[in-house]
Amino acid sequence: MRQIQTVPRVTLKLAQTLDGRIATRTGDSRWVSSPESRAMAHRLRATHDAVLIGIGTVLTDDPHLTVRLASGPNPVRVVLDSRLRLPLDSAVLDANEAPITVVTIVPSDSAGAEEIRRRGAEVLTVPGLHGRVEPVAALQSLFVRGIRSVLVEGGAQIATEFVRRQLVDELVLFIAPKIVGSGIDSIGELGVTAMTEAVQFSSQETVQLGGDIVFRGKPIWPE
C-alpha cells in the first residue's frame, strides 16, 4: 500500500467505447470521445501539476500533452519509459511547450539519457520491477520535485498497473456511444475472480457531455 504523504494525488482519465475499448484492434483511437469530452480532458490537464503516460502511448499517438482546448497552464509532461525508447523527434520533447520528465530504469549517465537531456528533458532513474519502471518509485520521485497531483492518461498497460497497485484516487471515465468489437481494453487483467473482489466507487457522479457519458468516482479498494 502506498504512503499517501509521499506520493501525488492521482487521477486516472480514460476514454472508452460502450464495449470498453480505448482503441480498435489496429490501435486507432482518434477519436473515441466527443469534442466536448476532449475539451474537458484538457481542462483536467490544466488542473493537475503533471500529466503522465507510458512510452507505448508516445509511440502510438505521439501526443503533445499540452492544454490547447481549454484555458489554463500546461502541466509537467511525464513519460514512463523503462528502456528509453522515446524517439528524439517526439512531440513531447518540444521543451518550448511545457516541461518534460522521462522516468526510466536506465542509468542516468547512459548515452540515451544524455541525448534526451539535450532535448531539454529531465531524466529520472528509479528502481525497476520486472524490468519496468516501478510506479510507486516514479510517483515518489515526482513528489520530491514538488508535484502534488498527477493526471494519468494511459495507455491501457499503465492504467491497469495503476489500478492493480491501488494508486488511483479518482477515476474520470468518458464513455462514447460506440461499439467496435475486438480492440484494446481500457483496463486489462486485475486478477479478479469474484464480484466481491471488484473495485467499487464512492462519491459517484455521472453526467452527459456532448454525446458521451462522463463518470467520476473515487475507488473503494477491496481488502
Protein backbone atom coordinates (compact mmCIF):
# COMPACT_ATOMS: atom_id res chain seq x y z
CA MET A 1 0.00 0.00 0.00
CA ARG A 2 1.34 3.42 -0.90
CA GLN A 3 2.21 6.10 1.63
CA ILE A 4 -0.17 8.96 0.96
CA GLN A 5 2.25 11.55 2.36
CA THR A 6 4.99 10.78 -0.16
CA VAL A 7 3.17 10.48 -3.50
CA PRO A 8 0.99 12.87 -5.50
CA ARG A 9 -2.77 12.56 -5.77
CA VAL A 10 -3.57 10.51 -8.90
CA THR A 11 -6.50 10.96 -11.28
CA LEU A 12 -6.93 8.28 -13.93
CA LYS A 13 -8.60 9.53 -17.11
CA LEU A 14 -9.91 7.04 -19.67
CA ALA A 15 -11.99 7.41 -22.83
CA GLN A 16 -13.67 4.22 -23.99
CA THR A 17 -16.47 2.85 -26.14
CA LEU A 18 -19.61 1.19 -24.79
CA ASP A 19 -17.85 -2.16 -25.06
CA GLY A 20 -14.86 -0.98 -23.05
CA ARG A 21 -12.32 -0.32 -25.81
CA ILE A 22 -9.89 2.60 -25.88
CA ALA A 23 -8.86 1.78 -29.44
CA THR A 24 -9.69 -0.56 -32.30
CA ARG A 25 -7.73 -3.76 -32.86
CA THR A 26 -5.42 -1.76 -35.17
CA GLY A 27 -4.69 0.74 -32.41
CA ASP A 28 -6.75 3.60 -33.86
CA SER A 29 -8.14 5.82 -31.10
CA ARG A 30 -8.85 9.13 -32.84
CA TRP A 31 -11.31 9.92 -31.68
CA VAL A 32 -13.08 7.74 -29.15
CA SER A 33 -14.78 10.63 -27.35
CA SER A 34 -16.63 13.76 -28.44
CA PRO A 35 -15.11 17.25 -28.89
CA GLU A 36 -16.80 18.29 -25.66
CA SER A 37 -15.18 15.42 -23.78
CA ARG A 38 -11.79 16.21 -25.25
CA ALA A 39 -12.13 19.81 -24.10
CA MET A 40 -12.94 18.59 -20.59
CA ALA A 41 -9.87 16.35 -20.71
CA HIS A 42 -7.76 19.42 -21.47
CA ARG A 43 -9.35 21.24 -18.52
CA LEU A 44 -8.31 18.29 -16.37
CA ARG A 45 -4.74 18.69 -17.59
CA ALA A 46 -4.79 22.36 -16.59
CA THR A 47 -5.83 21.49 -13.02
CA HIS A 48 -3.04 18.96 -12.40
CA ASP A 49 0.63 19.53 -11.78
CA ALA A 50 1.62 16.74 -14.19
CA VAL A 51 0.15 14.53 -16.90
CA LEU A 52 1.59 11.02 -17.17
CA ILE A 53 1.62 8.43 -19.95
CA GLY A 54 3.61 5.36 -20.88
CA ILE A 55 6.04 5.04 -23.76
CA GLY A 56 3.52 2.92 -25.68
CA THR A 57 1.18 5.89 -25.96
CA VAL A 58 4.03 8.06 -27.24
CA LEU A 59 4.98 5.51 -29.90
CA THR A 60 1.36 5.04 -30.99
CA ASP A 61 -0.12 8.55 -30.78
CA ASP A 62 2.83 10.98 -30.42
CA PRO A 63 0.78 13.35 -28.21
CA HIS A 64 1.78 16.87 -27.15
CA LEU A 65 0.11 16.55 -23.71
CA THR A 66 -0.40 20.31 -23.53
CA VAL A 67 -3.52 22.35 -22.78
CA ARG A 68 -4.90 23.51 -26.13
CA LEU A 69 -8.70 23.06 -26.00
CA ALA A 70 -9.12 24.96 -22.72
CA SER A 71 -7.53 27.80 -20.81
CA GLY A 72 -5.00 27.17 -18.09
CA PRO A 73 -1.36 26.27 -17.52
CA ASN A 74 0.40 23.34 -19.11
CA PRO A 75 1.28 20.54 -16.70
CA VAL A 76 4.66 18.91 -16.49
CA ARG A 77 4.63 16.09 -19.04
CA VAL A 78 5.83 12.74 -17.66
CA VAL A 79 6.65 9.67 -19.73
CA LEU A 80 7.36 6.30 -18.13
CA ASP A 81 9.97 4.81 -20.45
CA SER A 82 11.78 1.88 -18.90
CA ARG A 83 14.29 1.31 -21.71
CA LEU A 84 14.49 4.87 -23.10
CA ARG A 85 12.76 4.12 -26.41
CA LEU A 86 11.48 7.69 -26.66
CA PRO A 87 12.09 8.94 -30.23
CA LEU A 88 14.11 12.15 -30.22
CA ASP A 89 11.61 13.80 -32.57
CA SER A 90 8.62 13.10 -30.30
CA ALA A 91 6.15 15.93 -29.79
CA VAL A 92 6.60 15.75 -26.01
CA LEU A 93 10.28 16.61 -26.42
CA ASP A 94 9.42 20.11 -27.57
CA ALA A 95 10.66 21.80 -24.40
CA ASN A 96 9.28 25.15 -25.57
CA GLU A 97 5.72 23.89 -24.98
CA ALA A 98 5.98 22.57 -21.41
CA PRO A 99 8.48 20.84 -19.12
CA ILE A 100 9.07 17.14 -19.82
CA THR A 101 10.30 14.47 -17.43
CA VAL A 102 11.23 10.97 -18.57
CA VAL A 103 11.21 8.30 -15.86
CA THR A 104 13.32 5.23 -16.59
CA ILE A 105 15.32 2.42 -15.05
CA VAL A 106 18.26 3.09 -17.41
CA PRO A 107 21.28 4.63 -15.61
CA SER A 108 21.22 8.42 -15.68
CA ASP A 109 24.74 8.60 -17.14
CA SER A 110 23.88 6.48 -20.19
CA ALA A 111 24.22 7.85 -23.71
CA GLY A 112 20.47 7.58 -24.28
CA ALA A 113 19.70 9.61 -21.17
CA GLU A 114 22.16 12.28 -22.22
CA GLU A 115 20.58 12.54 -25.68
CA ILE A 116 17.15 13.09 -24.14
CA ARG A 117 18.55 15.70 -21.74
CA ARG A 118 19.99 17.57 -24.70
CA ARG A 119 16.41 17.97 -25.94
CA GLY A 120 15.60 19.82 -22.72
CA ALA A 121 14.01 16.97 -20.76
CA GLU A 122 14.72 15.83 -17.23
CA VAL A 123 15.62 12.15 -16.89
CA LEU A 124 14.82 10.40 -13.62
CA THR A 125 16.22 6.96 -12.92
CA VAL A 126 14.14 4.96 -10.43
CA PRO A 127 14.07 1.34 -9.28
CA GLY A 128 12.52 -1.21 -11.60
CA LEU A 129 10.02 -4.00 -11.11
CA HIS A 130 10.14 -6.94 -13.54
CA GLY A 131 12.16 -4.84 -15.96
CA ARG A 132 9.80 -1.86 -15.90
CA VAL A 133 9.56 1.42 -14.00
CA GLU A 134 8.19 0.77 -10.51
CA PRO A 135 5.14 3.11 -10.35
CA VAL A 136 5.35 3.99 -6.65
CA ALA A 137 9.03 4.91 -7.05
CA ALA A 138 8.08 7.08 -10.04
CA LEU A 139 5.37 8.87 -8.06
CA GLN A 140 7.67 9.40 -5.08
CA SER A 141 10.32 10.95 -7.35
CA LEU A 142 7.73 13.32 -8.77
CA PHE A 143 6.51 14.22 -5.28
CA VAL A 144 10.04 15.17 -4.23
CA ARG A 145 10.10 17.59 -7.18
CA GLY A 146 7.01 19.39 -5.94
CA ILE A 147 4.37 17.59 -8.00
CA ARG A 148 1.28 17.06 -5.87
CA SER A 149 -1.28 15.95 -8.48
CA VAL A 150 -0.89 13.68 -11.50
CA LEU A 151 -3.34 13.01 -14.33
CA VAL A 152 -2.69 9.54 -15.76
CA GLU A 153 -3.84 9.37 -19.39
CA GLY A 154 -2.69 5.91 -20.37
CA GLY A 155 -2.25 3.74 -22.16
CA ALA A 156 -4.03 0.58 -21.13
CA GLN A 157 -0.94 -1.04 -19.61
CA ILE A 158 -0.23 1.98 -17.41
CA ALA A 159 -3.89 2.34 -16.43
CA THR A 160 -4.09 -1.33 -15.49
CA GLU A 161 -0.92 -1.18 -13.41
CA PHE A 162 -2.06 1.90 -11.51
CA VAL A 163 -5.42 0.26 -10.74
CA ARG A 164 -3.79 -3.06 -9.81
CA ARG A 165 -1.44 -1.26 -7.41
CA GLN A 166 -4.32 0.79 -5.92
CA LEU A 167 -2.63 4.06 -6.86
CA VAL A 168 -5.72 5.84 -8.22
CA ASP A 169 -7.53 8.44 -6.08
CA GLU A 170 -10.17 9.33 -8.67
CA LEU A 171 -11.36 7.88 -11.99
CA VAL A 172 -12.73 10.09 -14.76
CA LEU A 173 -14.21 7.84 -17.44
CA PHE A 174 -15.57 9.13 -20.75
CA ILE A 175 -17.93 6.59 -22.33
CA ALA A 176 -18.71 7.14 -26.00
CA PRO A 177 -21.87 5.68 -27.61
CA LYS A 178 -19.85 3.45 -29.93
CA ILE A 179 -19.19 -0.27 -30.28
CA VAL A 180 -16.07 -1.52 -32.05
CA GLY A 181 -15.94 -5.20 -31.06
CA SER A 182 -12.41 -6.53 -30.77
CA GLY A 183 -9.98 -3.86 -29.68
CA ILE A 184 -7.78 -2.65 -26.85
CA ASP A 185 -9.40 -2.94 -23.42
CA SER A 186 -9.38 0.17 -21.24
CA ILE A 187 -8.33 -1.93 -18.23
CA GLY A 188 -6.60 -5.28 -18.51
CA GLU A 189 -6.28 -8.27 -16.19
CA LEU A 190 -6.59 -7.45 -12.49
CA GLY A 191 -6.81 -10.96 -11.12
CA VAL A 192 -10.45 -10.53 -10.08
CA THR A 193 -12.22 -13.90 -9.85
CA ALA A 194 -15.34 -12.92 -7.87
CA MET A 195 -17.57 -9.83 -7.89
CA THR A 196 -16.74 -9.29 -4.24
CA GLU A 197 -13.18 -8.51 -5.37
CA ALA A 198 -14.25 -5.88 -7.92
CA VAL A 199 -13.25 -2.26 -7.46
CA GLN A 200 -16.25 -0.18 -6.41
CA PHE A 201 -16.65 3.58 -6.18
CA SER A 202 -17.85 6.25 -3.78
CA SER A 203 -18.69 9.93 -4.41
CA GLN A 204 -20.03 8.93 -7.81
CA GLU A 205 -21.13 11.47 -10.40
CA THR A 206 -22.47 10.75 -13.89
CA VAL A 207 -23.24 13.47 -16.44
CA GLN A 208 -23.84 13.70 -20.16
CA LEU A 209 -21.32 15.68 -22.17
CA GLY A 210 -21.95 16.03 -25.88
CA GLY A 211 -22.90 12.52 -26.91
CA ASP A 212 -20.79 10.92 -24.18
CA ILE A 213 -21.40 9.88 -20.60
CA VAL A 214 -18.81 11.02 -18.05
CA PHE A 215 -18.38 9.01 -14.86
CA ARG A 216 -16.36 10.33 -11.92
CA GLY A 217 -15.78 8.32 -8.78
CA LYS A 218 -13.32 7.54 -6.02
CA PRO A 219 -12.24 3.89 -5.80
CA ILE A 220 -13.06 1.78 -2.77
CA TRP A 221 -10.25 -0.74 -2.81
CA PRO A 222 -11.08 -4.32 -1.82
CA GLU A 223 -9.31 -5.73 1.20
